[in-house]
Amino acid sequence: MRAWHAMWLTLINQAIADLNRREAERDEGQRRRPAPEWTIEHALGGPHEII
């Protein structure tokens, strides 16, 4: 039983470490992303109906 639980604990810890690493990589990528050269602004006043 101890070996089985130790195996699962190792797998769970590895999965958590992988998720943390991916999240850190995503955050770093967003931080390094250059600012866009242009942006699109929507009209003020809310959504407009298309007829």
PDB file of N, CA and C in Angstrom:
ATOM      1  N   MET A   1       0.826  -1.205   0.000  1.00  0.00           N
ATOM      2  CA  MET A   1       0.000   0.000   0.000  1.00  0.00           C
ATOM      3  C   MET A   1       0.859   1.254   0.000  1.00  0.00           C
ATOM      4  N   ARG A   2       1.921   1.252   0.802  1.00  0.00           N
ATOM      5  CA  ARG A   2       2.780   2.442   0.872  1.00  0.00           C
ATOM      6  C   ARG A   2       3.392   2.751  -0.488  1.00  0.00           C
ATOM      7  N   ALA A   3       3.846   1.732  -1.172  1.00  0.00           N
ATOM      8  CA  ALA A   3       4.474   1.933  -2.478  1.00  0.00           C
ATOM      9  C   ALA A   3       3.449   2.490  -3.468  1.00  0.00           C
ATOM     10  N   TRP A   4       2.244   1.976  -3.419  1.00  0.00           N
ATOM     11  CA  TRP A   4       1.174   2.449  -4.326  1.00  0.00           C
ATOM     12  C   TRP A   4       0.875   3.924  -4.065  1.00  0.00           C
ATOM     13  N   HIS A   5       0.733   4.293  -2.803  1.00  0.00           N
ATOM     14  CA  HIS A   5       0.454   5.689  -2.453  1.00  0.00           C
ATOM     15  C   HIS A   5       1.640   6.593  -2.811  1.00  0.00           C
ATOM     16  N   ALA A   6       2.840   6.114  -2.594  1.00  0.00           N
ATOM     17  CA  ALA A   6       4.030   6.894  -2.939  1.00  0.00           C
ATOM     18  C   ALA A   6       4.080   7.134  -4.444  1.00  0.00           C
ATOM     19  N   MET A   7       3.714   6.104  -5.239  1.00  0.00           N
ATOM     20  CA  MET A   7       3.693   6.256  -6.691  1.00  0.00           C
ATOM     21  C   MET A   7       2.697   7.333  -7.100  1.00  0.00           C
ATOM     22  N   TRP A   8       1.489   7.286  -6.535  1.00  0.00           N
ATOM     23  CA  TRP A   8       0.458   8.275  -6.885  1.00  0.00           C
ATOM     24  C   TRP A   8       0.849   9.670  -6.427  1.00  0.00           C
ATOM     25  N   LEU A   9       1.455   9.767  -5.259  1.00  0.00           N
ATOM     26  CA  LEU A   9       1.892  11.066  -4.763  1.00  0.00           C
ATOM     27  C   LEU A   9       2.959  11.656  -5.683  1.00  0.00           C
ATOM     28  N   THR A  10       3.866  10.827  -6.163  1.00  0.00           N
ATOM     29  CA  THR A  10       4.887  11.280  -7.110  1.00  0.00           C
ATOM     30  C   THR A  10       4.239  11.766  -8.404  1.00  0.00           C
ATOM     31  N   LEU A  11       3.279  11.020  -8.915  1.00  0.00           N
ATOM     32  CA  LEU A  11       2.596  11.413 -10.149  1.00  0.00           C
ATOM     33  C   LEU A  11       1.820  12.721  -9.974  1.00  0.00           C
ATOM     34  N   ILE A  12       1.165  12.868  -8.853  1.00  0.00           N
ATOM     35  CA  ILE A  12       0.398  14.090  -8.581  1.00  0.00           C
ATOM     36  C   ILE A  12       1.336  15.283  -8.451  1.00  0.00           C
ATOM     37  N   ASN A  13       2.439  15.118  -7.722  1.00  0.00           N
ATOM     38  CA  ASN A  13       3.402  16.211  -7.568  1.00  0.00           C
ATOM     39  C   ASN A  13       4.016  16.598  -8.909  1.00  0.00           C
ATOM     40  N   GLN A  14       4.271  15.624  -9.755  1.00  0.00           N
ATOM     41  CA  GLN A  14       4.822  15.898 -11.083  1.00  0.00           C
ATOM     42  C   GLN A  14       3.812  16.658 -11.944  1.00  0.00           C
ATOM     43  N   ALA A  15       2.545  16.274 -11.870  1.00  0.00           N
ATOM     44  CA  ALA A  15       1.504  16.963 -12.636  1.00  0.00           C
ATOM     45  C   ALA A  15       1.360  18.413 -12.167  1.00  0.00           C
ATOM     46  N   ILE A  16       1.415  18.629 -10.867  1.00  0.00           N
ATOM     47  CA  ILE A  16       1.315  19.990 -10.328  1.00  0.00           C
ATOM     48  C   ILE A  16       2.513  20.819 -10.788  1.00  0.00           C
ATOM     49  N   ALA A  17       3.708  20.249 -10.747  1.00  0.00           N
ATOM     50  CA  ALA A  17       4.912  20.964 -11.188  1.00  0.00           C
ATOM     51  C   ALA A  17       4.812  21.312 -12.671  1.00  0.00           C
ATOM     52  N   ASP A  18       4.306  20.385 -13.485  1.00  0.00           N
ATOM     53  CA  ASP A  18       4.132  20.642 -14.919  1.00  0.00           C
ATOM     54  C   ASP A  18       3.152  21.782 -15.161  1.00  0.00           C
ATOM     55  N   LEU A  19       2.035  21.780 -14.438  1.00  0.00           N
ATOM     56  CA  LEU A  19       1.051  22.854 -14.582  1.00  0.00           C
ATOM     57  C   LEU A  19       1.630  24.197 -14.166  1.00  0.00           C
ATOM     58  N   ASN A  20       2.366  24.223 -13.071  1.00  0.00           N
ATOM     59  CA  ASN A  20       2.995  25.462 -12.623  1.00  0.00           C
ATOM     60  C   ASN A  20       4.009  25.975 -13.647  1.00  0.00           C
ATOM     61  N   ARG A  21       4.781  25.053 -14.237  1.00  0.00           N
ATOM     62  CA  ARG A  21       5.762  25.436 -15.244  1.00  0.00           C
ATOM     63  C   ARG A  21       5.079  26.019 -16.476  1.00  0.00           C
ATOM     64  N   ARG A  22       4.003  25.359 -16.943  1.00  0.00           N
ATOM     65  CA  ARG A  22       3.273  25.858 -18.118  1.00  0.00           C
ATOM     66  C   ARG A  22       2.658  27.221 -17.853  1.00  0.00           C
ATOM     67  N   GLU A  23       2.111  27.412 -16.652  1.00  0.00           N
ATOM     68  CA  GLU A  23       1.519  28.699 -16.308  1.00  0.00           C
ATOM     69  C   GLU A  23       2.589  29.793 -16.278  1.00  0.00           C
ATOM     70  N   ALA A  24       3.753  29.473 -15.726  1.00  0.00           N
ATOM     71  CA  ALA A  24       4.846  30.450 -15.685  1.00  0.00           C
ATOM     72  C   ALA A  24       5.321  30.786 -17.098  1.00  0.00           C
ATOM     73  N   GLU A  25       5.401  29.783 -17.980  1.00  0.00           N
ATOM     74  CA  GLU A  25       5.798  30.030 -19.367  1.00  0.00           C
ATOM     75  C   GLU A  25       4.772  30.895 -20.080  1.00  0.00           C
ATOM     76  N   ARG A  26       3.485  30.643 -19.841  1.00  0.00           N
ATOM     77  CA  ARG A  26       2.430  31.443 -20.468  1.00  0.00           C
ATOM     78  C   ARG A  26       2.499  32.891 -19.993  1.00  0.00           C
ATOM     79  N   ASP A  27       2.678  33.073 -18.686  1.00  0.00           N
ATOM     80  CA  ASP A  27       2.777  34.421 -18.131  1.00  0.00           C
ATOM     81  C   ASP A  27       3.987  35.160 -18.700  1.00  0.00           C
ATOM     82  N   GLU A  28       5.118  34.460 -18.822  1.00  0.00           N
ATOM     83  CA  GLU A  28       6.321  35.075 -19.377  1.00  0.00           C
ATOM     84  C   GLU A  28       6.105  35.447 -20.842  1.00  0.00           C
ATOM     85  N   GLY A  29       5.432  34.593 -21.585  1.00  0.00           N
ATOM     86  CA  GLY A  29       5.139  34.891 -22.987  1.00  0.00           C
ATOM     87  C   GLY A  29       4.247  36.111 -23.129  1.00  0.00           C
ATOM     88  N   GLN A  30       3.248  36.233 -22.268  1.00  0.00           N
ATOM     89  CA  GLN A  30       2.372  37.404 -22.323  1.00  0.00           C
ATOM     90  C   GLN A  30       3.127  38.668 -21.932  1.00  0.00           C
ATOM     91  N   ARG A  31       4.044  38.539 -20.975  1.00  0.00           N
ATOM     92  CA  ARG A  31       4.815  39.694 -20.535  1.00  0.00           C
ATOM     93  C   ARG A  31       5.755  40.174 -21.649  1.00  0.00           C
ATOM     94  N   ARG A  32       6.323  39.233 -22.400  1.00  0.00           N
ATOM     95  CA  ARG A  32       7.275  39.573 -23.458  1.00  0.00           C
ATOM     96  C   ARG A  32       6.597  39.938 -24.779  1.00  0.00           C
ATOM     97  N   ARG A  33       5.301  39.716 -24.891  1.00  0.00           N
ATOM     98  CA  ARG A  33       4.594  39.993 -26.142  1.00  0.00           C
ATOM     99  C   ARG A  33       4.696  41.479 -26.457  1.00  0.00           C
ATOM    100  N   PRO A  34       5.096  41.813 -27.694  1.00  0.00           N
ATOM    101  CA  PRO A  34       5.191  43.237 -28.033  1.00  0.00           C
ATOM    102  C   PRO A  34       3.805  43.875 -28.101  1.00  0.00           C
ATOM    103  N   ALA A  35       3.777  45.176 -27.871  1.00  0.00           N
ATOM    104  CA  ALA A  35       2.517  45.910 -27.957  1.00  0.00           C
ATOM    105  C   ALA A  35       2.038  45.903 -29.407  1.00  0.00           C
ATOM    106  N   PRO A  36       0.741  45.804 -29.629  1.00  0.00           N
ATOM    107  CA  PRO A  36       0.242  45.807 -31.006  1.00  0.00           C
ATOM    108  C   PRO A  36       0.495  47.162 -31.670  1.00  0.00           C
ATOM    109  N   GLU A  37       0.688  47.122 -32.985  1.00  0.00           N
ATOM    110  CA  GLU A  37       0.914  48.359 -33.730  1.00  0.00           C
ATOM    111  C   GLU A  37      -0.380  49.151 -33.885  1.00  0.00           C
ATOM    112  N   TRP A  38      -1.523  48.462 -33.814  1.00  0.00           N
ATOM    113  CA  TRP A  38      -2.798  49.151 -33.950  1.00  0.00           C
ATOM    114  C   TRP A  38      -3.836  48.408 -33.132  1.00  0.00           C
ATOM    115  N   THR A  39      -4.915  49.083 -32.794  1.00  0.00           N
ATOM    116  CA  THR A  39      -6.013  48.472 -32.056  1.00  0.00           C
ATOM    117  C   THR A  39      -7.326  48.863 -32.708  1.00  0.00           C
ATOM    118  N   ILE A  40      -8.350  48.106 -32.431  1.00  0.00           N
ATOM    119  CA  ILE A  40      -9.690  48.395 -32.933  1.00  0.00           C
ATOM    120  C   ILE A  40     -10.524  48.852 -31.744  1.00  0.00           C
ATOM    121  N   GLU A  41     -11.165  49.990 -31.882  1.00  0.00           N
ATOM    122  CA  GLU A  41     -12.037  50.485 -30.834  1.00  0.00           C
ATOM    123  C   GLU A  41     -13.477  50.348 -31.294  1.00  0.00           C
ATOM    124  N   HIS A  42     -14.307  49.836 -30.425  1.00  0.00           N
ATOM    125  CA  HIS A  42     -15.724  49.700 -30.722  1.00  0.00           C
ATOM    126  C   HIS A  42     -16.427  51.020 -30.424  1.00  0.00           C
ATOM    127  N   ALA A  43     -17.506  51.281 -31.149  1.00  0.00           N
ATOM    128  CA  ALA A  43     -18.258  52.511 -30.932  1.00  0.00           C
ATOM    129  C   ALA A  43     -18.826  52.535 -29.510  1.00  0.00           C
ATOM    130  N   LEU A  44     -18.900  53.721 -28.966  1.00  0.00           N
ATOM    131  CA  LEU A  44     -19.475  53.888 -27.641  1.00  0.00           C
ATOM    132  C   LEU A  44     -20.983  53.772 -27.734  1.00  0.00           C
ATOM    133  N   GLY A  45     -21.636  53.419 -26.662  1.00  0.00           N
ATOM    134  CA  GLY A  45     -23.081  53.376 -26.638  1.00  0.00           C
ATOM    135  C   GLY A  45     -23.657  51.978 -26.672  1.00  0.00           C
ATOM    136  N   GLY A  46     -22.844  50.993 -26.604  1.00  0.00           N
ATOM    137  CA  GLY A  46     -23.367  49.628 -26.525  1.00  0.00           C
ATOM    138  C   GLY A  46     -23.491  48.947 -27.869  1.00  0.00           C
ATOM    139  N   PRO A  47     -24.052  47.769 -27.865  1.00  0.00           N
ATOM    140  CA  PRO A  47     -24.166  46.984 -29.107  1.00  0.00           C
ATOM    141  C   PRO A  47     -25.171  47.615 -30.066  1.00  0.00           C
ATOM    142  N   HIS A  48     -24.919  47.420 -31.337  1.00  0.00           N
ATOM    143  CA  HIS A  48     -25.806  47.941 -32.379  1.00  0.00           C
ATOM    144  C   HIS A  48     -26.458  46.774 -33.112  1.00  0.00           C
ATOM    145  N   GLU A  49     -27.703  46.937 -33.462  1.00  0.00           N
ATOM    146  CA  GLU A  49     -28.417  45.902 -34.187  1.00  0.00           C
ATOM    147  C   GLU A  49     -28.097  45.986 -35.667  1.00  0.00           C
ATOM    148  N   ILE A  50     -27.929  44.843 -36.276  1.00  0.00           N
ATOM    149  CA  ILE A  50     -27.731  44.788 -37.721  1.00  0.00           C
ATOM    150  C   ILE A  50     -29.041  44.326 -38.337  1.00  0.00           C
ATOM    151  N   ILE A  51     -29.574  45.132 -39.224  1.00  0.00           N
ATOM    152  CA  ILE A  51     -30.874  44.811 -39.833  1.00  0.00           C
ATOM    153  C   ILE A  51     -30.667  44.370 -41.257  1.00  0.00           C
TER     154      ILE A  51
END
